[in-house]
Protein backbone atom coordinates (compact mmCIF):
# COMPACT_ATOMS: atom_id res chain seq x y z
CA MET A 1 50.19 162.86 116.58
CA SER A 2 52.46 160.29 117.83
CA ARG A 3 56.35 160.58 117.07
CA HIS A 4 55.66 157.61 115.03
CA HIS A 5 53.45 159.43 112.75
CA ASP A 6 55.66 162.57 112.34
CA ARG A 7 58.17 160.58 111.48
CA ARG A 8 56.10 158.41 108.76
CA GLU A 9 55.01 161.84 107.52
CA PHE A 10 58.55 163.28 107.25
CA LEU A 11 59.98 160.49 105.30
CA LYS A 12 57.06 160.02 103.21
CA ARG A 13 57.59 163.76 102.30
CA SER A 14 61.50 163.21 101.80
CA ALA A 15 60.87 160.58 99.39
CA GLN A 16 58.20 162.60 97.58
CA LEU A 17 60.74 165.73 97.23
CA SER A 18 63.55 163.11 96.38
CA ALA A 19 61.59 161.78 93.06
CA GLY A 20 60.94 165.61 92.20
CA LEU A 21 64.58 166.24 92.32
CA GLY A 22 65.44 163.04 90.20
CA LEU A 23 62.63 163.70 87.42
CA LEU A 24 63.83 167.40 87.26
CA GLY A 25 67.33 165.91 86.85
CA ALA A 26 66.49 163.77 84.02
CA PHE A 27 65.41 166.80 82.33
CA ALA A 28 68.31 168.72 83.23
CA PRO A 29 71.08 168.76 80.83
CA PRO A 30 74.05 166.42 81.61
CA ALA A 31 76.92 167.79 83.76
CA SER A 32 79.56 166.79 80.75
CA ALA A 33 77.17 168.92 78.23
CA ALA A 34 78.20 172.22 79.45
CA GLU A 35 82.08 171.14 79.11
CA LYS A 36 82.09 169.30 75.93
CA GLU A 37 85.15 168.13 75.00
CA PRO A 38 86.55 170.57 71.59
CA LEU A 39 86.74 168.88 68.37
CA PHE A 40 90.41 169.31 68.71
CA ARG A 41 92.75 170.90 70.78
CA ILE A 42 95.50 173.61 69.57
CA SER A 43 99.08 173.34 70.69
CA LEU A 44 102.35 175.19 69.70
CA ALA A 45 105.05 173.78 68.07
CA GLU A 46 108.21 175.25 69.30
CA TRP A 47 109.88 175.93 65.26
CA SER A 48 107.05 178.70 65.05
CA LEU A 49 109.68 181.02 67.04
CA HIS A 50 112.99 179.51 65.49
CA ARG A 51 114.05 182.94 64.53
CA ALA A 52 113.57 184.72 68.12
CA LEU A 53 115.39 181.43 69.30
CA LYS A 54 118.32 181.20 66.95
CA GLY A 55 118.46 184.92 67.37
CA GLY A 56 118.65 184.94 71.04
CA LYS A 57 115.94 186.84 71.85
CA LEU A 58 114.13 183.72 73.28
CA ASP A 59 115.46 181.01 75.58
CA ASN A 60 114.08 177.18 75.14
CA LEU A 61 113.55 177.08 79.13
CA ASP A 62 111.16 180.15 78.37
CA PHE A 63 109.10 178.61 75.74
CA ALA A 64 106.60 177.05 77.72
CA LYS A 65 106.02 180.42 79.22
CA THR A 66 105.86 182.14 76.03
CA ALA A 67 103.37 179.90 74.49
CA LYS A 68 100.80 180.49 77.91
CA GLN A 69 101.54 183.90 78.62
CA ASP A 70 101.51 185.54 75.13
CA TYR A 71 99.50 183.06 73.13
CA GLY A 72 96.81 181.59 75.62
CA ILE A 73 98.19 177.93 74.54
CA GLU A 74 98.57 175.12 77.15
CA ALA A 75 100.03 172.37 75.12
CA VAL A 76 103.66 172.75 73.51
CA GLU A 77 106.04 170.64 70.91
CA TYR A 78 109.75 171.08 71.41
CA VAL A 79 112.51 170.98 68.96
CA ASN A 80 115.90 169.44 69.77
CA GLN A 81 117.69 171.94 67.67
CA PHE A 82 117.28 174.37 70.34
CA PHE A 83 118.39 172.27 73.42
CA LYS A 84 120.79 169.76 71.16
CA ASP A 85 123.55 169.35 73.85
CA LYS A 86 120.85 168.49 76.46
CA ALA A 87 119.41 165.13 75.56
CA LYS A 88 121.12 163.51 78.65
CA ASP A 89 121.48 166.42 81.03
CA GLN A 90 119.00 165.71 83.82
CA LYS A 91 119.40 169.32 85.26
CA TYR A 92 118.54 171.42 82.58
CA LEU A 93 115.71 168.66 81.84
CA ALA A 94 114.44 169.12 84.93
CA GLU A 95 114.20 172.95 84.54
CA MET A 96 112.34 172.43 81.78
CA LYS A 97 110.10 169.98 83.25
CA LYS A 98 109.52 172.12 86.49
CA ARG A 99 109.02 175.39 84.60
CA ALA A 100 106.07 173.59 82.24
CA ALA A 101 104.41 171.84 85.17
CA ASP A 102 104.68 175.10 87.18
CA LEU A 103 102.42 176.79 84.31
CA GLY A 104 100.03 173.85 84.03
CA VAL A 105 101.74 173.57 80.33
CA LYS A 106 101.69 170.30 78.92
CA SER A 107 104.74 168.50 76.87
CA LEU A 108 104.00 166.92 74.03
CA LEU A 109 106.79 165.94 72.17
CA ILE A 110 110.09 166.40 70.83
CA MET A 111 110.71 167.00 66.99
CA ILE A 112 113.94 165.22 66.38
CA ASP A 113 116.54 166.52 63.53
CA GLY A 114 120.34 166.12 62.65
CA GLU A 115 120.55 162.76 64.30
CA GLY A 116 121.20 160.51 61.02
CA ALA A 117 119.41 158.83 58.70
CA LEU A 118 116.95 156.41 59.90
CA GLY A 119 116.76 155.14 56.75
CA ASP A 120 120.52 154.82 55.71
CA ALA A 121 121.73 152.54 53.13
CA ASP A 122 124.48 151.69 55.15
CA GLU A 123 123.14 149.01 57.77
CA LYS A 124 126.05 150.37 60.21
CA LYS A 125 125.03 153.76 59.85
CA ARG A 126 121.46 153.15 60.10
CA LEU A 127 121.82 151.38 63.52
CA ALA A 128 123.90 154.34 64.62
CA ALA A 129 121.14 156.98 63.75
CA VAL A 130 118.50 154.85 65.68
CA GLU A 131 120.76 154.54 68.92
CA LYS A 132 121.13 158.29 68.47
CA HIS A 133 117.58 159.02 68.72
CA TYR A 134 117.57 156.62 71.98
CA PRO A 135 118.76 159.59 74.45
CA TRP A 136 115.69 161.81 72.80
CA VAL A 137 113.35 158.83 73.55
CA GLU A 138 114.40 158.94 77.22
CA ALA A 139 114.19 162.81 77.57
CA ALA A 140 110.68 162.62 76.20
CA LYS A 141 109.55 160.20 78.59
CA TYR A 142 111.20 162.17 81.63
CA LEU A 143 109.67 165.20 80.47
CA GLY A 144 106.10 164.04 80.13
CA CYS A 145 105.84 163.83 76.13
CA HIS A 146 104.19 161.30 74.23
CA ALA A 147 106.35 161.01 71.59
CA ILE A 148 109.19 161.86 69.67
CA ARG A 149 108.98 163.36 65.75
CA VAL A 150 111.51 161.90 63.33
CA ASN A 151 111.87 161.83 59.72
CA ALA A 152 112.28 158.97 57.42
CA ALA A 153 115.30 159.88 55.46
CA SER A 154 116.84 157.59 53.08
CA SER A 155 118.40 156.90 49.45
CA GLY A 156 118.03 154.34 46.68
CA SER A 157 115.12 153.25 44.88
CA TYR A 158 111.62 153.75 45.98
CA ASP A 159 111.20 150.15 47.14
CA GLU A 160 114.90 150.34 48.70
CA GLN A 161 114.14 153.30 50.62
CA LEU A 162 110.90 151.94 51.99
CA GLU A 163 112.31 148.98 53.02
CA ARG A 164 115.05 150.72 55.24
CA ALA A 165 112.96 153.18 56.40
CA ALA A 166 110.92 150.66 57.85
CA ASP A 167 113.69 148.91 59.33
CA GLY A 168 114.81 151.51 60.97
CA LEU A 169 111.66 152.94 62.45
CA ARG A 170 110.99 149.45 63.57
CA ARG A 171 113.85 149.19 65.46
CA LEU A 172 113.63 152.55 67.31
CA SER A 173 109.72 151.78 67.95
CA GLU A 174 110.90 148.85 69.87
CA PHE A 175 113.07 150.92 72.15
CA GLY A 176 110.35 153.50 72.18
CA ASP A 177 107.97 150.78 73.36
CA GLN A 178 110.20 150.19 76.61
CA HIS A 179 109.50 153.68 77.64
CA GLU A 180 106.16 154.09 76.15
CA ILE A 181 106.82 156.63 74.07
CA GLU A 182 106.13 156.77 70.25
CA VAL A 183 107.79 157.25 67.22
CA ILE A 184 105.71 159.56 64.64
CA VAL A 185 107.09 160.37 61.43
CA GLU A 186 106.48 163.96 59.72
CA ASN A 187 106.51 164.40 55.72
CA HIS A 188 109.38 166.26 55.84
CA GLY A 189 111.36 166.20 52.48
CA GLY A 190 112.50 163.42 49.79
CA LEU A 191 110.03 160.11 49.48
CA SER A 192 108.79 161.01 53.00
CA SER A 193 106.83 163.89 51.25
CA ASN A 194 105.12 161.19 49.53
CA GLY A 195 101.89 160.31 51.22
CA GLN A 196 101.65 156.85 49.63
CA TRP A 197 105.03 156.23 50.55
CA LEU A 198 105.18 157.30 54.01
CA ALA A 199 101.62 155.12 54.49
CA ALA A 200 103.38 152.12 53.24
CA VAL A 201 106.26 152.48 55.37
CA ILE A 202 104.18 152.78 58.63
CA LYS A 203 102.27 149.83 57.69
CA LYS A 204 105.43 147.81 56.95
CA VAL A 205 106.64 148.81 60.27
CA GLY A 206 103.54 147.52 61.70
CA HIS A 207 104.31 148.64 65.61
CA LYS A 208 101.78 149.84 67.85
CA ARG A 209 104.05 152.94 68.83
CA CYS A 210 105.09 154.26 65.15
CA GLY A 211 102.41 156.31 63.48
CA THR A 212 102.64 159.87 61.68
CA LEU A 213 102.67 163.33 62.27
CA PRO A 214 101.01 164.87 58.73
CA ASP A 215 102.01 168.48 58.08
CA PHE A 216 99.63 170.61 56.27
CA GLY A 217 102.52 171.90 53.88
CA ASN A 218 105.77 169.84 53.84
CA PHE A 219 104.46 168.12 50.58
CA ARG A 220 107.66 169.00 48.22
CA LEU A 221 108.79 166.24 46.40
CA ALA A 222 111.59 168.15 44.32
CA GLU A 223 112.33 171.65 42.68
CA ARG A 224 108.77 172.46 41.56
CA LYS A 225 107.27 169.17 42.04
CA TYR A 226 105.06 168.62 44.85
CA TYR A 227 102.30 166.01 45.92
CA ASP A 228 98.89 167.05 46.44
CA ARG A 229 98.42 168.05 50.11
CA TYR A 230 94.94 166.98 50.80
CA LYS A 231 95.67 163.38 49.41
CA GLY A 232 98.57 163.62 51.50
CA VAL A 233 97.37 164.17 54.54
CA ALA A 234 94.36 161.94 54.22
CA GLU A 235 96.73 158.92 53.43
CA LEU A 236 98.64 159.53 56.93
CA MET A 237 95.56 160.47 59.31
CA PRO A 238 94.77 156.63 59.71
CA TYR A 239 98.22 156.52 61.33
CA ALA A 240 98.58 159.82 63.14
CA LYS A 241 99.26 160.49 66.49
CA ALA A 242 99.81 164.30 66.35
CA VAL A 243 98.71 166.78 63.59
CA SER A 244 100.96 169.92 62.41
CA ALA A 245 98.93 173.14 61.08
CA LYS A 246 101.59 174.59 58.64
CA SER A 247 100.93 178.25 57.89
CA HIS A 248 103.06 180.95 55.99
CA ASP A 249 100.77 183.68 54.95
CA PHE A 250 97.22 185.14 55.20
CA ASN A 251 94.73 187.19 53.28
CA GLU A 252 92.90 190.04 54.34
CA GLN A 253 89.82 187.57 55.58
CA GLY A 254 92.44 186.07 58.06
CA GLU A 255 92.65 182.73 55.65
CA GLU A 256 95.77 180.81 55.04
CA THR A 257 96.79 181.50 51.52
CA GLU A 258 98.02 178.07 50.19
CA THR A 259 96.01 175.48 52.63
CA ASP A 260 92.46 175.73 52.89
CA TYR A 261 91.91 175.01 56.57
CA ARG A 262 88.50 174.25 56.56
CA LYS A 263 88.72 171.39 54.10
CA MET A 264 91.97 170.37 55.73
CA MET A 265 90.51 170.41 59.14
CA LYS A 266 87.39 168.14 57.93
CA ILE A 267 90.17 165.92 56.54
CA VAL A 268 91.74 165.37 59.73
CA LEU A 269 88.34 165.07 61.82
CA ASP A 270 86.78 162.75 59.15
CA ALA A 271 89.54 160.29 59.90
CA GLY A 272 88.61 160.59 63.90
CA TYR A 273 91.42 162.68 65.08
CA HIS A 274 90.41 165.13 67.90
CA GLY A 275 94.04 165.34 69.45
CA TYR A 276 96.16 168.36 69.34
CA VAL A 277 97.20 170.08 66.48
CA GLY A 278 100.20 172.07 66.76
CA ILE A 279 100.76 175.85 65.11
CA GLU A 280 103.68 175.85 62.75
CA TYR A 281 104.05 179.36 61.84
CA GLU A 282 106.86 179.62 59.04
CA GLY A 283 106.12 182.76 57.16
CA SER A 284 108.00 185.85 56.42
CA GLN A 285 105.17 188.67 55.83
CA LEU A 286 104.13 188.62 59.36
CA SER A 287 105.97 188.66 62.86
CA GLU A 288 106.21 185.19 64.44
CA PRO A 289 104.32 186.47 67.09
CA GLU A 290 101.26 188.00 64.85
CA GLY A 291 102.39 184.82 62.66
CA ILE A 292 101.10 182.32 65.62
CA LYS A 293 98.41 184.42 66.73
CA ALA A 294 96.89 184.97 63.06
CA THR A 295 97.01 180.69 63.08
CA LYS A 296 95.34 180.18 66.33
CA LYS A 297 92.35 182.53 65.27
CA LEU A 298 92.16 180.85 62.27
CA LEU A 299 92.18 177.12 63.65
CA GLU A 300 89.68 178.62 66.29
CA LYS A 301 87.11 180.22 63.68
CA VAL A 302 87.52 176.95 61.95
CA ARG A 303 86.43 174.80 64.86
CA ALA A 304 83.81 177.05 66.13
CA GLU A 305 82.44 176.60 62.38
CA LEU A 306 82.79 172.64 62.13
CA SER A 307 81.21 172.22 65.60
CA ALA A 308 78.20 174.23 64.95
């Protein structure tokens, strides 16, 4: 048999073998199926450990390590209260960034409090509040975050507050846009705990960088007056760029006693949101570590049920 014939036979058999393997590949599940994206991911809000932080039992620089090593969570949401004077401290921010990066922990956002009312009735004070948020936008950018969480505090009538809050948020969102940082508003007391009002504010701002951070529990309008939490989250979800899973107490079955997590997470997912859901434990019956673990377990259980 000639060498040419041998070569032809070899090429023929190779082609048949390749075709057979290709056919097998057609019936094999795609590689992505085994690594299917989760319905949502879980992050940890630093406020969940506010007692430990305020009591000196935990340092802000160790928050990323605590999230990963103690709770198996690889994404964090900082709170500016725990490094209040460090917004412009490059050395400190570099250390924060390095510690998170070394652990493979993702920095998602910084929650900003105490920097003035973005909807202040006095225009000068409103502009000053906007500018006080600028260093936090820059710090968030440096840390690798995608957003800062702010408050839409204001005063006056329903419509006046809507106008004032939208004005302050618009100005801050324009600055955020220069740094590719989103400005997201949490329902956090006053009129901001009225889902309809806050949704109208975001609509009025009309900026791609401005959105919401719906919190499952912050719907207290006044003493003994509450906005419906499910209605509120549903109204805020179309603008959501983050979600906060507020928790307080749990029953023997591991269910949160104030929020139906299945119902709430269905609202979140039905809005097309599949990003991070941040654990924000605020209870007193369980310790902070136990409360974080209970919230994580519940979120994982609900995710598994809704994925089935």
